[in-house]
N, C-alpha and C. Protein backbone atom coordinates (compact mmCIF):
# COMPACT_ATOMS: atom_id res chain seq x y z
N MET A 1 204.85 200.06 22.93
CA MET A 1 204.40 198.85 22.96
C MET A 1 204.20 198.47 24.25
N LYS A 2 203.14 197.76 24.90
CA LYS A 2 203.15 197.19 26.38
C LYS A 2 203.95 196.24 26.60
N GLU A 3 204.30 196.48 27.79
CA GLU A 3 205.38 195.11 28.43
C GLU A 3 204.60 194.45 28.63
N HIS A 4 205.10 192.98 28.49
CA HIS A 4 203.92 191.92 29.05
C HIS A 4 204.78 191.63 30.59
N PRO A 5 203.43 191.33 31.27
CA PRO A 5 203.56 191.47 32.68
C PRO A 5 204.55 190.48 33.20
N ILE A 6 204.55 188.92 32.39
CA ILE A 6 206.15 188.10 32.62
C ILE A 6 207.23 188.65 32.57
N SER A 7 207.31 189.25 31.30
CA SER A 7 208.75 189.96 31.08
C SER A 7 208.93 190.79 32.37
N ALA A 8 208.24 191.62 32.49
CA ALA A 8 208.18 192.71 33.64
C ALA A 8 208.70 191.69 35.36
N VAL A 9 208.22 190.86 35.34
CA VAL A 9 208.62 189.95 36.74
C VAL A 9 210.19 189.56 36.43
N LEU A 10 210.46 188.96 35.24
CA LEU A 10 211.78 188.40 35.03
C LEU A 10 212.56 189.52 35.24
N LEU A 11 212.15 190.67 34.75
CA LEU A 11 213.22 191.80 34.83
C LEU A 11 213.53 192.32 36.13
N ASP A 12 212.52 192.38 37.23
CA ASP A 12 212.23 192.49 38.47
C ASP A 12 213.37 191.83 39.25
N ARG A 13 213.43 190.63 38.70
CA ARG A 13 213.92 189.43 39.44
C ARG A 13 215.77 189.15 39.00
N SER A 14 215.53 190.00 38.08
CA SER A 14 216.90 189.46 36.94
C SER A 14 218.12 189.56 38.42
N SER A 15 218.33 190.71 39.13
CA SER A 15 219.44 190.71 40.15
C SER A 15 219.21 190.02 40.94
N PHE A 16 218.26 189.41 41.57
CA PHE A 16 218.42 188.36 42.34
C PHE A 16 219.10 186.74 41.54
N VAL A 17 218.82 186.87 40.41
CA VAL A 17 219.35 185.45 39.75
C VAL A 17 221.00 185.47 39.57
N GLU A 18 220.96 186.88 39.74
CA GLU A 18 222.80 186.64 39.62
C GLU A 18 223.17 186.44 40.53
N GLU A 19 223.00 186.46 42.01
CA GLU A 19 223.11 185.71 43.25
C GLU A 19 223.08 184.54 43.57
N VAL A 20 222.31 183.53 43.15
CA VAL A 20 222.07 182.29 42.90
C VAL A 20 224.04 181.49 42.36
N LYS A 21 224.24 181.02 43.22
CA LYS A 21 225.85 180.36 43.18
C LYS A 21 225.66 179.48 41.87
N GLN A 22 224.96 178.21 42.48
CA GLN A 22 224.92 177.66 41.76
C GLN A 22 223.83 176.33 42.09
N MET A 23 223.22 175.79 40.81
CA MET A 23 222.07 174.54 41.17
C MET A 23 222.87 173.47 41.65
N PRO A 24 222.14 172.56 42.52
CA PRO A 24 222.52 171.37 42.83
C PRO A 24 223.36 170.47 41.91
N ALA A 25 224.06 169.78 42.60
CA ALA A 25 224.74 168.64 41.57
C ALA A 25 224.03 167.95 40.92
N ARG A 26 222.61 167.43 41.57
CA ARG A 26 221.94 166.66 41.21
C ARG A 26 220.71 167.37 40.79
N SER A 27 220.30 166.90 39.58
CA SER A 27 219.28 167.56 38.67
C SER A 27 218.53 167.01 37.78
N TYR A 28 217.14 166.80 37.98
CA TYR A 28 216.40 166.36 37.27
C TYR A 28 216.57 166.36 35.38
N GLY A 29 217.32 167.53 35.08
CA GLY A 29 217.74 167.47 33.85
C GLY A 29 216.58 168.39 32.96
N GLN A 30 215.53 168.83 33.60
CA GLN A 30 214.38 169.32 32.92
C GLN A 30 214.23 170.97 33.07
N PHE A 31 214.00 171.45 31.48
CA PHE A 31 213.60 172.95 31.58
C PHE A 31 212.41 172.76 31.71
N CYS A 32 212.16 173.12 32.78
CA CYS A 32 210.70 172.90 33.97
C CYS A 32 210.86 173.58 35.20
N GLY A 33 209.47 174.88 35.11
CA GLY A 33 209.68 175.52 36.26
C GLY A 33 209.76 174.55 37.68
N LEU A 34 209.02 173.21 37.92
CA LEU A 34 209.02 172.93 38.61
C LEU A 34 210.00 171.73 38.67
N ALA A 35 210.46 171.64 37.84
CA ALA A 35 211.56 170.22 38.01
C ALA A 35 212.70 171.27 38.63
N ARG A 36 213.06 172.52 38.34
CA ARG A 36 213.97 173.19 38.46
C ARG A 36 214.18 174.17 39.96
N ALA A 37 212.47 174.52 40.39
CA ALA A 37 212.19 174.53 41.72
C ALA A 37 212.88 172.66 42.82
N LEU A 38 212.37 172.02 42.38
CA LEU A 38 212.47 170.31 43.05
C LEU A 38 214.08 170.77 43.17
N ASP A 39 214.96 170.45 42.03
CA ASP A 39 216.40 170.74 42.15
C ASP A 39 216.44 171.31 43.47
N ALA A 40 215.90 173.04 43.44
CA ALA A 40 216.62 173.73 44.59
C ALA A 40 216.00 173.29 46.08
N VAL A 41 215.05 172.83 46.50
CA VAL A 41 214.24 172.41 47.13
C VAL A 41 213.66 171.14 47.73
N GLY A 42 213.96 170.12 46.61
CA GLY A 42 213.13 169.27 46.40
C GLY A 42 213.59 167.69 47.56
N ASP A 43 215.05 168.24 47.88
CA ASP A 43 215.39 167.01 48.68
C ASP A 43 214.96 166.89 50.14
N ARG A 44 215.08 165.68 50.68
CA ARG A 44 214.59 165.36 52.02
C ARG A 44 214.83 166.60 52.83
N TRP A 45 213.96 167.05 53.88
CA TRP A 45 214.35 168.18 54.52
C TRP A 45 214.37 169.77 54.36
N SER A 46 214.71 169.57 53.34
CA SER A 46 215.11 171.21 52.46
C SER A 46 213.64 171.66 52.84
N LEU A 47 212.55 171.47 52.46
CA LEU A 47 211.58 172.49 52.50
C LEU A 47 211.05 172.75 54.18
N LEU A 48 211.40 171.39 55.05
CA LEU A 48 211.52 171.61 56.36
C LEU A 48 212.10 172.57 57.30
N ILE A 49 213.41 172.75 56.40
CA ILE A 49 214.50 173.66 56.96
C ILE A 49 214.23 174.80 56.62
N VAL A 50 213.30 174.99 55.41
CA VAL A 50 212.81 176.59 54.78
C VAL A 50 211.40 176.55 55.84
N ARG A 51 210.28 175.89 56.21
CA ARG A 51 209.90 175.98 57.31
C ARG A 51 209.65 176.50 58.83
N GLU A 52 210.79 175.74 59.43
CA GLU A 52 211.59 176.49 60.60
C GLU A 52 212.14 177.83 60.11
N LEU A 53 212.13 178.35 59.31
CA LEU A 53 212.96 179.77 59.00
C LEU A 53 212.38 180.60 58.52
N LEU A 54 210.69 180.58 58.56
CA LEU A 54 210.07 181.26 58.08
C LEU A 54 209.27 182.17 59.59
N PRO A 55 209.50 181.79 60.65
CA PRO A 55 209.04 182.44 61.65
C PRO A 55 209.83 183.33 62.06
N GLY A 56 211.22 183.44 61.49
CA GLY A 56 212.62 183.98 61.75
C GLY A 56 213.94 183.17 61.89
N PRO A 57 215.01 183.93 62.00
CA PRO A 57 216.23 183.26 61.85
C PRO A 57 216.92 182.30 63.08
N MET A 58 217.62 181.56 62.81
CA MET A 58 217.55 180.15 63.75
C MET A 58 219.06 179.90 63.84
N ARG A 59 219.83 179.55 64.89
CA ARG A 59 220.87 179.15 64.80
C ARG A 59 221.09 177.35 64.75
N TYR A 60 222.33 176.70 63.97
CA TYR A 60 222.48 175.79 63.95
C TYR A 60 221.59 174.88 64.43
N SER A 61 222.29 175.08 66.20
CA SER A 61 221.74 174.02 67.24
C SER A 61 220.15 174.03 67.07
N GLU A 62 219.79 175.49 67.41
CA GLU A 62 218.14 175.62 67.18
C GLU A 62 217.44 175.05 66.21
N LEU A 63 217.98 174.74 65.09
CA LEU A 63 217.27 173.96 63.96
C LEU A 63 217.58 172.45 64.50
N MET A 64 218.71 171.87 65.05
CA MET A 64 219.09 170.43 64.79
C MET A 64 218.02 170.06 66.20
N ALA A 65 217.72 170.96 66.98
CA ALA A 65 216.97 170.89 68.22
C ALA A 65 215.36 170.64 67.53
N SER A 66 215.11 171.71 66.69
CA SER A 66 213.66 171.33 66.27
C SER A 66 213.24 170.86 65.39
N LEU A 67 214.20 170.20 64.47
CA LEU A 67 213.91 169.39 63.92
C LEU A 67 214.07 168.07 64.03
N GLY A 68 214.92 167.87 65.29
CA GLY A 68 214.99 166.35 66.08
C GLY A 68 215.66 165.62 65.03
N GLY A 69 214.98 164.36 64.07
CA GLY A 69 215.32 163.24 63.47
C GLY A 69 216.61 163.55 62.70
N ILE A 70 216.82 164.71 62.28
CA ILE A 70 217.77 164.82 60.98
C ILE A 70 219.37 164.94 61.91
N ALA A 71 220.15 164.17 61.02
CA ALA A 71 221.83 163.67 61.33
C ALA A 71 222.30 164.90 61.31
N THR A 72 223.51 165.72 61.93
CA THR A 72 223.94 166.61 62.03
C THR A 72 224.48 166.82 60.83
N ASN A 73 225.20 165.95 59.80
CA ASN A 73 225.80 165.67 58.78
C ASN A 73 225.03 165.93 57.89
N LEU A 74 223.76 165.62 57.70
CA LEU A 74 222.77 165.66 56.71
C LEU A 74 222.30 167.14 56.87
N LEU A 75 222.16 167.61 58.06
CA LEU A 75 221.60 169.36 58.37
C LEU A 75 222.72 170.14 57.71
N ALA A 76 223.63 169.97 57.73
CA ALA A 76 225.35 170.82 57.20
C ALA A 76 225.03 170.63 55.96
N ASP A 77 224.70 169.46 54.94
CA ASP A 77 224.78 169.43 53.81
C ASP A 77 223.51 170.03 53.22
N ARG A 78 222.63 169.82 53.96
CA ARG A 78 221.02 170.41 53.03
C ARG A 78 221.21 172.18 53.69
N LEU A 79 222.23 172.44 54.64
CA LEU A 79 221.84 174.12 54.91
C LEU A 79 222.58 174.66 53.34
N ARG A 80 224.10 173.91 53.04
CA ARG A 80 225.14 173.97 52.15
C ARG A 80 224.60 174.37 51.08
N SER A 81 223.68 173.24 50.70
CA SER A 81 222.76 173.32 49.45
C SER A 81 221.83 174.13 49.11
N LEU A 82 221.42 174.44 50.04
CA LEU A 82 219.96 175.66 50.25
C LEU A 82 220.78 177.11 49.78
N GLU A 83 222.01 177.29 50.46
CA GLU A 83 222.66 178.52 50.16
C GLU A 83 223.32 178.56 48.66
N SER A 84 223.63 177.56 48.70
CA SER A 84 224.47 177.81 47.04
C SER A 84 223.03 178.22 46.20
N SER A 85 222.30 177.43 46.55
CA SER A 85 220.80 177.81 45.50
C SER A 85 220.23 179.07 45.80
N GLY A 86 220.89 179.87 46.59
CA GLY A 86 219.89 181.03 46.91
C GLY A 86 218.81 181.50 48.03
N VAL A 87 218.89 180.53 48.42
CA VAL A 87 217.57 180.11 49.40
C VAL A 87 217.84 180.54 50.89
N ILE A 88 218.65 180.26 51.54
CA ILE A 88 218.81 180.89 52.55
C ILE A 88 220.19 181.63 52.56
N GLU A 89 220.50 182.30 53.81
CA GLU A 89 221.81 182.70 53.88
C GLU A 89 222.08 182.59 55.29
N ARG A 90 224.00 182.58 55.34
CA ARG A 90 224.07 183.13 56.80
C ARG A 90 224.50 184.48 57.75
N ARG A 91 223.94 184.81 58.65
CA ARG A 91 223.53 186.21 58.86
C ARG A 91 224.48 186.36 60.42
N LEU A 92 225.25 187.27 60.55
CA LEU A 92 225.51 187.53 62.35
C LEU A 92 224.39 187.56 63.08
N GLY A 93 224.07 187.10 64.02
CA GLY A 93 223.14 186.55 65.29
C GLY A 93 223.20 188.19 65.95
N GLN A 94 221.93 188.36 66.35
CA GLN A 94 222.06 189.39 67.01
C GLN A 94 223.03 189.73 68.50
N THR A 95 223.31 188.99 68.87
CA THR A 95 224.23 188.80 70.19
C THR A 95 225.37 188.68 69.67
N SER A 96 225.59 187.34 69.04
CA SER A 96 227.41 186.71 68.64
C SER A 96 226.47 185.29 68.16
N GLY A 97 227.68 185.13 66.79
CA GLY A 97 227.60 183.55 66.55
C GLY A 97 226.90 183.90 65.49
N VAL A 98 226.66 182.98 64.42
CA VAL A 98 225.93 182.85 63.05
C VAL A 98 224.65 182.42 63.06
N VAL A 99 223.75 182.95 62.36
CA VAL A 99 221.82 182.40 62.33
C VAL A 99 221.57 181.91 60.68
N TYR A 100 221.09 181.37 60.67
CA TYR A 100 220.68 180.90 59.34
C TYR A 100 219.21 181.78 58.50
N ALA A 101 218.97 182.39 58.07
CA ALA A 101 217.78 182.94 57.29
C ALA A 101 217.44 183.02 56.29
N LEU A 102 216.21 182.80 56.03
CA LEU A 102 215.99 182.83 54.38
C LEU A 102 216.38 184.18 53.69
N THR A 103 216.64 184.16 52.52
CA THR A 103 216.68 185.14 51.61
C THR A 103 215.48 186.09 51.23
N PRO A 104 214.89 187.21 50.62
CA PRO A 104 213.93 187.77 50.11
C PRO A 104 213.36 186.58 49.17
N TRP A 105 213.88 185.84 48.04
CA TRP A 105 213.30 184.98 47.06
C TRP A 105 212.98 183.44 47.73
N GLY A 106 214.04 183.09 48.66
CA GLY A 106 213.43 181.94 49.91
C GLY A 106 212.33 182.04 50.55
N SER A 107 212.12 183.46 50.93
CA SER A 107 210.64 183.80 51.71
C SER A 107 209.47 183.74 51.09
N GLN A 108 209.68 183.68 49.53
CA GLN A 108 208.44 183.38 48.52
C GLN A 108 208.31 182.14 48.74
N LEU A 109 209.04 181.26 49.26
CA LEU A 109 208.33 179.93 49.61
C LEU A 109 207.02 179.89 50.35
N ARG A 110 206.88 180.66 50.94
CA ARG A 110 205.52 180.80 52.49
C ARG A 110 204.52 180.15 51.27
N GLU A 111 204.25 180.85 50.49
CA GLU A 111 203.27 180.61 49.37
C GLU A 111 202.78 179.15 49.35
N ALA A 112 203.75 178.64 48.70
CA ALA A 112 203.75 177.21 48.26
C ALA A 112 203.42 176.32 49.62
N ILE A 113 204.35 176.61 50.48
CA ILE A 113 204.29 175.44 52.00
C ILE A 113 202.84 175.80 52.45
N GLU A 114 202.32 177.16 52.71
CA GLU A 114 201.39 177.72 53.05
C GLU A 114 199.92 176.80 52.01
N VAL A 115 200.26 176.82 50.59
CA VAL A 115 199.39 175.64 49.93
C VAL A 115 199.44 174.09 50.47
N LEU A 116 200.16 173.95 50.49
CA LEU A 116 200.33 172.27 51.10
C LEU A 116 200.50 172.26 52.31
N ILE A 117 200.48 172.63 53.50
CA ILE A 117 199.61 172.74 54.85
C ILE A 117 197.95 172.38 54.31
N ARG A 118 197.55 173.80 53.73
CA ARG A 118 195.91 173.39 53.32
C ARG A 118 195.48 172.51 53.06
N TRP A 119 196.49 171.88 51.90
CA TRP A 119 196.45 170.73 51.02
C TRP A 119 196.05 169.23 51.91
N SER A 120 196.98 169.70 53.22
CA SER A 120 197.46 168.64 54.15
C SER A 120 196.25 168.39 55.27
N ILE A 121 194.80 169.35 55.08
CA ILE A 121 193.95 168.56 56.07
C ILE A 121 193.51 167.68 56.30
N PRO A 122 193.62 167.30 55.19
CA PRO A 122 192.76 165.44 55.33
C PRO A 122 193.50 164.50 55.95
N LEU A 123 194.82 164.79 55.88
CA LEU A 123 196.25 163.73 56.25
C LEU A 123 195.94 164.22 57.99
N MET A 124 195.92 165.26 58.18
CA MET A 124 195.88 165.71 59.58
C MET A 124 194.59 165.47 60.49
N ALA A 125 193.83 164.89 59.73
CA ALA A 125 192.67 164.44 60.21
C ALA A 125 192.76 163.57 61.56
N SER A 126 193.66 162.11 61.66
CA SER A 126 193.53 161.06 62.18
C SER A 126 194.20 161.48 63.63
N GLY A 127 194.76 162.55 63.35
CA GLY A 127 196.08 163.20 64.85
C GLY A 127 197.40 162.96 64.80
N PRO A 128 197.66 163.05 65.76
CA PRO A 128 199.25 163.55 66.00
C PRO A 128 199.99 161.86 65.99
N GLY A 129 199.23 160.90 66.46
CA GLY A 129 199.72 159.37 66.66
C GLY A 129 200.96 159.37 67.35
N GLY A 130 201.94 158.76 67.24
CA GLY A 130 203.48 158.95 67.65
C GLY A 130 204.39 160.30 67.11
N ASP A 131 203.53 161.26 66.19
CA ASP A 131 204.62 162.04 65.87
C ASP A 131 204.97 163.02 66.72
N VAL A 132 206.20 163.83 66.40
CA VAL A 132 206.47 164.83 67.41
C VAL A 132 205.93 166.30 66.88
N PHE A 133 205.57 167.02 67.73
CA PHE A 133 205.25 168.26 67.57
C PHE A 133 206.16 169.31 68.14
N GLN A 134 206.46 170.59 67.44
CA GLN A 134 206.70 171.78 68.19
C GLN A 134 206.05 173.04 67.68
N PRO A 135 205.77 173.63 68.57
CA PRO A 135 205.14 174.72 68.40
C PRO A 135 205.16 175.78 67.18
N ARG A 136 206.50 176.04 66.92
CA ARG A 136 206.85 176.66 65.91
C ARG A 136 206.20 176.18 64.61
N TRP A 137 205.86 175.11 64.39
CA TRP A 137 205.07 174.41 63.36
C TRP A 137 203.37 175.18 63.44
N LEU A 138 202.97 175.15 64.50
CA LEU A 138 201.90 175.98 64.78
C LEU A 138 201.73 177.02 63.97
N ALA A 139 202.62 177.54 64.54
CA ALA A 139 202.87 179.41 64.15
C ALA A 139 202.52 179.26 62.56
N VAL A 140 203.25 178.59 61.75
CA VAL A 140 203.60 178.74 60.33
C VAL A 140 202.07 178.21 59.90
N ALA A 141 201.31 177.07 60.08
CA ALA A 141 200.08 176.68 60.26
C ALA A 141 199.44 177.48 60.26
N LEU A 142 198.81 178.26 61.55
CA LEU A 142 197.72 179.26 61.50
C LEU A 142 197.90 180.06 60.76
N GLU A 143 198.96 180.77 60.40
CA GLU A 143 198.96 181.55 59.14
C GLU A 143 198.68 181.10 57.79
N ALA A 144 198.68 179.91 57.66
CA ALA A 144 198.71 179.38 56.17
C ALA A 144 196.97 179.05 56.27
N LEU A 145 196.51 178.54 57.16
CA LEU A 145 195.07 177.96 57.77
C LEU A 145 194.19 179.36 57.39
N LEU A 146 194.48 180.49 58.19
CA LEU A 146 193.72 181.90 58.10
C LEU A 146 194.07 182.56 57.25
N ARG A 147 194.79 182.22 56.05
CA ARG A 147 195.05 183.40 55.35
C ARG A 147 194.04 183.81 54.52
N GLY A 148 193.75 185.14 54.21
CA GLY A 148 192.60 185.97 53.85
C GLY A 148 191.94 186.30 54.56
N ARG A 149 192.25 185.48 56.12
CA ARG A 149 190.67 186.21 56.78
C ARG A 149 191.30 187.44 57.46
N THR A 150 190.53 188.23 57.77
CA THR A 150 190.76 190.08 58.09
C THR A 150 189.56 190.06 58.90
N ALA A 151 190.14 191.09 60.23
CA ALA A 151 189.21 191.71 61.20
C ALA A 151 189.86 193.17 61.18
N LYS A 152 188.29 194.02 61.66
CA LYS A 152 188.70 195.00 61.34
C LYS A 152 187.32 195.74 62.71
N PRO A 153 187.90 196.78 63.76
CA PRO A 153 189.79 196.34 64.30
C PRO A 153 190.28 195.22 64.50
N PRO A 154 191.50 195.30 64.50
CA PRO A 154 192.40 194.02 64.73
C PRO A 154 192.28 193.53 66.36
N ALA A 155 192.22 192.17 65.98
CA ALA A 155 192.07 191.55 67.38
C ALA A 155 193.04 190.46 67.60
N GLU A 156 193.49 190.35 68.72
CA GLU A 156 194.83 189.41 69.40
C GLU A 156 194.37 188.84 70.01
N LEU A 157 194.68 187.55 69.87
CA LEU A 157 194.46 186.11 70.79
C LEU A 157 195.90 185.78 71.45
N GLY A 158 196.10 185.18 72.61
CA GLY A 158 197.54 184.67 72.64
C GLY A 158 196.64 183.18 72.73
N ILE A 159 197.73 182.29 72.90
CA ILE A 159 197.53 180.65 72.39
C ILE A 159 198.42 180.26 73.68
N GLU A 160 198.13 179.51 74.19
CA GLU A 160 199.43 178.70 74.84
C GLU A 160 198.88 176.99 74.73
N VAL A 161 199.84 176.26 74.28
CA VAL A 161 199.99 175.20 73.71
C VAL A 161 201.32 174.31 73.63
N ALA A 162 200.84 173.54 74.35
CA ALA A 162 202.34 172.41 74.46
C ALA A 162 203.58 172.99 75.40
N GLY A 163 203.55 174.31 76.31
CA GLY A 163 204.50 175.03 77.30
C GLY A 163 205.16 175.71 76.39
N SER A 164 204.44 176.46 75.26
CA SER A 164 204.58 177.60 74.57
C SER A 164 203.52 178.74 74.25
N PHE A 165 203.91 179.78 74.30
CA PHE A 165 202.94 180.85 74.05
C PHE A 165 203.43 181.63 72.84
N MET A 166 202.08 182.24 72.32
CA MET A 166 202.16 182.71 71.27
C MET A 166 201.20 183.78 70.74
N THR A 167 201.02 184.79 70.06
CA THR A 167 200.00 185.62 69.62
C THR A 167 199.65 185.86 68.54
N LEU A 168 198.46 185.36 68.32
CA LEU A 168 197.76 185.22 66.80
C LEU A 168 197.24 186.70 66.59
N ARG A 169 197.12 187.35 65.43
CA ARG A 169 196.78 188.66 65.36
C ARG A 169 195.87 188.50 64.17
N ILE A 170 194.85 189.01 64.29
CA ILE A 170 193.98 189.39 62.86
C ILE A 170 193.88 190.84 62.71
N GLY A 171 194.34 191.47 61.31
CA GLY A 171 194.10 192.49 61.27
C GLY A 171 193.82 192.95 59.61
N LYS A 172 193.67 193.79 59.73
CA LYS A 172 193.21 194.13 57.59
C LYS A 172 194.11 193.32 56.93
N ASP A 173 195.03 193.17 57.83
CA ASP A 173 196.40 192.59 56.38
C ASP A 173 196.03 191.29 56.45
N GLY A 174 195.55 190.11 57.45
CA GLY A 174 195.13 189.09 57.93
C GLY A 174 196.18 188.77 58.96
N PRO A 175 195.95 187.20 58.73
CA PRO A 175 196.69 186.88 60.25
C PRO A 175 198.16 186.87 60.27
N HIS A 176 198.75 186.95 61.29
CA HIS A 176 200.11 187.47 62.00
C HIS A 176 200.44 186.57 63.22
N VAL A 177 201.60 185.47 63.05
CA VAL A 177 201.75 185.05 64.70
C VAL A 177 202.73 184.97 65.03
N ILE A 178 203.10 185.60 66.18
CA ILE A 178 204.73 185.85 67.13
C ILE A 178 204.64 184.81 68.23
N VAL A 179 205.88 184.10 67.92
CA VAL A 179 206.18 183.05 69.09
C VAL A 179 207.05 183.89 70.24
N GLN A 180 206.25 183.36 71.17
CA GLN A 180 207.12 183.75 72.58
C GLN A 180 206.92 185.67 72.39
N PRO A 181 205.82 185.86 72.14
CA PRO A 181 205.74 187.83 72.03
C PRO A 181 206.60 188.42 73.37
N ASP A 182 206.76 189.73 73.43
CA ASP A 182 207.20 190.42 74.51
C ASP A 182 206.12 190.45 75.73
N ARG A 183 204.60 190.80 75.05
CA ARG A 183 203.66 190.91 75.67
C ARG A 183 202.48 190.18 75.35
N ARG A 184 201.47 189.78 76.76
CA ARG A 184 200.48 188.65 76.27
C ARG A 184 199.36 189.17 76.11
N PRO A 185 198.35 188.89 74.97
CA PRO A 185 197.12 189.84 75.14
C PRO A 185 196.27 189.62 76.05
N ASP A 186 195.15 190.12 76.39
CA ASP A 186 194.32 189.94 77.48
C ASP A 186 193.12 188.66 77.46
N THR A 187 192.90 188.16 75.93
CA THR A 187 192.41 187.34 76.05
C THR A 187 193.50 185.81 75.41
N ILE A 188 193.54 184.91 76.08
CA ILE A 188 194.20 183.50 76.03
C ILE A 188 193.42 182.45 75.59
N LEU A 189 193.78 181.69 74.88
CA LEU A 189 193.35 180.24 74.77
C LEU A 189 194.21 179.34 75.28
N LYS A 190 193.84 178.20 75.67
CA LYS A 190 194.99 177.25 76.30
C LYS A 190 194.38 175.83 75.81
N ALA A 191 194.91 175.25 74.84
CA ALA A 191 194.65 173.95 74.11
C ALA A 191 195.69 172.94 73.29
N GLY A 192 195.53 172.06 72.99
CA GLY A 192 196.06 171.06 72.62
C GLY A 192 196.28 171.43 71.08
N PRO A 193 197.27 171.33 70.93
CA PRO A 193 197.80 171.67 69.02
C PRO A 193 196.35 170.91 68.29
N GLU A 194 196.61 169.80 68.29
CA GLU A 194 195.27 169.01 67.69
C GLU A 194 193.86 169.87 67.47
N ALA A 195 193.79 170.54 68.61
CA ALA A 195 191.99 171.04 68.77
C ALA A 195 192.57 172.58 68.04
N VAL A 196 193.73 173.38 68.78
CA VAL A 196 193.93 174.80 67.60
C VAL A 196 194.08 174.39 66.15
N LEU A 197 194.20 173.49 65.60
CA LEU A 197 194.55 173.27 63.96
C LEU A 197 192.89 172.95 63.81
N ARG A 198 192.56 171.70 64.52
CA ARG A 198 191.50 171.84 63.88
C ARG A 198 190.26 172.83 63.74
N LEU A 199 190.24 173.76 64.86
CA LEU A 199 189.24 174.94 64.84
C LEU A 199 189.63 175.58 63.62
N ALA A 200 191.33 176.16 63.60
CA ALA A 200 191.87 177.31 62.50
C ALA A 200 191.44 176.64 61.15
N ALA A 201 191.24 175.17 61.06
CA ALA A 201 190.81 174.68 59.45
C ALA A 201 189.37 174.76 59.51
N GLY A 202 188.70 175.10 60.45
CA GLY A 202 186.97 175.10 60.43
C GLY A 202 186.37 173.36 60.37
N ALA A 203 187.52 172.67 61.05
CA ALA A 203 186.92 171.19 61.32
C ALA A 203 186.28 171.06 62.31
N ILE A 204 185.97 171.79 63.38
CA ILE A 204 185.35 171.82 64.50
C ILE A 204 184.53 173.43 64.96
N THR A 205 183.98 173.14 65.46
CA THR A 205 183.35 174.67 65.93
C THR A 205 183.84 175.23 67.43
N ILE A 206 183.78 176.37 67.51
CA ILE A 206 184.33 177.01 68.40
C ILE A 206 183.81 175.97 70.20
N ASP A 207 182.54 175.79 69.90
CA ASP A 207 181.89 175.33 71.25
C ASP A 207 182.22 173.78 71.25
N GLN A 208 182.67 172.95 70.26
CA GLN A 208 183.66 171.93 70.17
C GLN A 208 185.19 171.98 70.98
N ALA A 209 185.66 173.28 70.41
CA ALA A 209 186.70 173.41 70.32
C ALA A 209 187.15 173.43 72.27
N LEU A 210 185.93 174.53 72.71
CA LEU A 210 186.01 174.67 74.22
C LEU A 210 185.75 173.34 74.85
N SER A 211 185.48 172.43 74.26
CA SER A 211 184.69 171.51 75.67
C SER A 211 186.20 170.52 75.51
N ARG A 212 187.37 170.60 74.67
CA ARG A 212 188.82 170.18 75.19
C ARG A 212 189.48 171.42 75.33
N ALA A 213 189.35 172.98 75.59
CA ALA A 213 190.02 173.46 76.01
C ALA A 213 189.53 174.75 77.21
N SER A 214 190.31 175.59 77.19
CA SER A 214 189.72 176.92 78.21
C SER A 214 190.33 178.21 77.42
N VAL A 215 189.20 179.38 77.63
CA VAL A 215 189.52 180.70 77.63
C VAL A 215 189.49 181.38 78.64
N HIS A 216 190.69 182.17 78.75
CA HIS A 216 191.12 183.22 79.65
C HIS A 216 190.79 184.77 79.00
N GLY A 217 189.62 185.23 79.74
CA GLY A 217 189.47 186.65 78.87
C GLY A 217 188.19 186.68 78.52
N ASP A 218 187.90 187.56 77.49
CA ASP A 218 186.80 187.86 76.41
C ASP A 218 186.73 186.88 75.45
N PRO A 219 185.72 185.57 75.34
CA PRO A 219 185.40 184.86 74.82
C PRO A 219 184.97 185.21 73.19
N ARG A 220 184.66 186.79 73.06
CA ARG A 220 184.02 187.19 72.16
C ARG A 220 185.41 187.37 71.02
N VAL A 221 186.72 187.99 71.64
CA VAL A 221 188.03 187.84 70.64
C VAL A 221 187.93 186.38 70.20
N LEU A 222 187.80 185.26 70.91
CA LEU A 222 188.08 183.97 70.18
C LEU A 222 187.17 183.80 68.55
N THR A 223 186.08 184.21 69.36
CA THR A 223 184.75 183.87 67.80
C THR A 223 185.52 185.42 66.51
N THR A 224 186.03 186.12 66.91
CA THR A 224 186.65 187.04 65.89
C THR A 224 187.95 186.43 65.39
N VAL A 225 188.90 185.99 66.10
CA VAL A 225 190.28 185.64 65.60
C VAL A 225 189.85 184.35 64.81
N LEU A 226 189.13 183.26 65.29
CA LEU A 226 189.02 181.85 64.92
C LEU A 226 187.49 181.51 64.53
N GLY A 227 186.73 182.63 64.72
CA GLY A 227 184.99 182.10 64.35
C GLY A 227 185.01 182.27 62.85
N ALA A 228 185.84 183.54 62.13
CA ALA A 228 185.69 183.22 60.75
C ALA A 228 186.00 182.13 60.23
N ALA A 229 186.45 181.02 60.77
CA ALA A 229 187.19 179.93 59.97
C ALA A 229 185.84 178.83 59.69
N GLN A 230 184.90 179.02 60.67
CA GLN A 230 183.75 178.66 60.66
C GLN A 230 182.48 178.83 59.26
N THR A 231 182.99 179.77 58.53
CA THR A 231 182.21 180.44 57.65
C THR A 231 182.45 179.88 56.08
């Protein structure tokens, strides 16, 4: 008898389910996948903490600095809740101290977060206004907006934005962004975050982007990496 695919998925994840210590005290009390998911990550700031950890582990102080408006006691509460739900875990840092990181199960929230980022394009059209910006958020957004794009051979574009530097690589497996890489690509785009986001979303053309940005190196790399967003 052929095994049902859903049963196979449940069996594959059964070992991880045992690692979930407890569900949050507050619950919708509904036997529904969406309700159970929101029980775990639906509190204010929870998904933003997950967003912060998608590029890699962070220290408590780094989370505080990046999230900005969150109170320290609320951050501590959200971290405890996410850890209890099995979404994040504490690890020893590379040098010393403790860092927070997504568990393999928590990392699967990338897909949901990327869908929400793509859905938010009309909400981003009005620009930043008075909202704050962190380059780390752009790294997550670029992978979301360019998901499904490929390039052969691979191409790398450096992006300098808001005093930070990242490398956007498009290869056969799709987009990948490295914040503060060890080396810089030969071609670098220097632009504001709004222009980079609008270009990645296909809301403006490369020519329009270059009217408010600059490229150092081979401009054909910009077309290879971000030009596909125009089609």
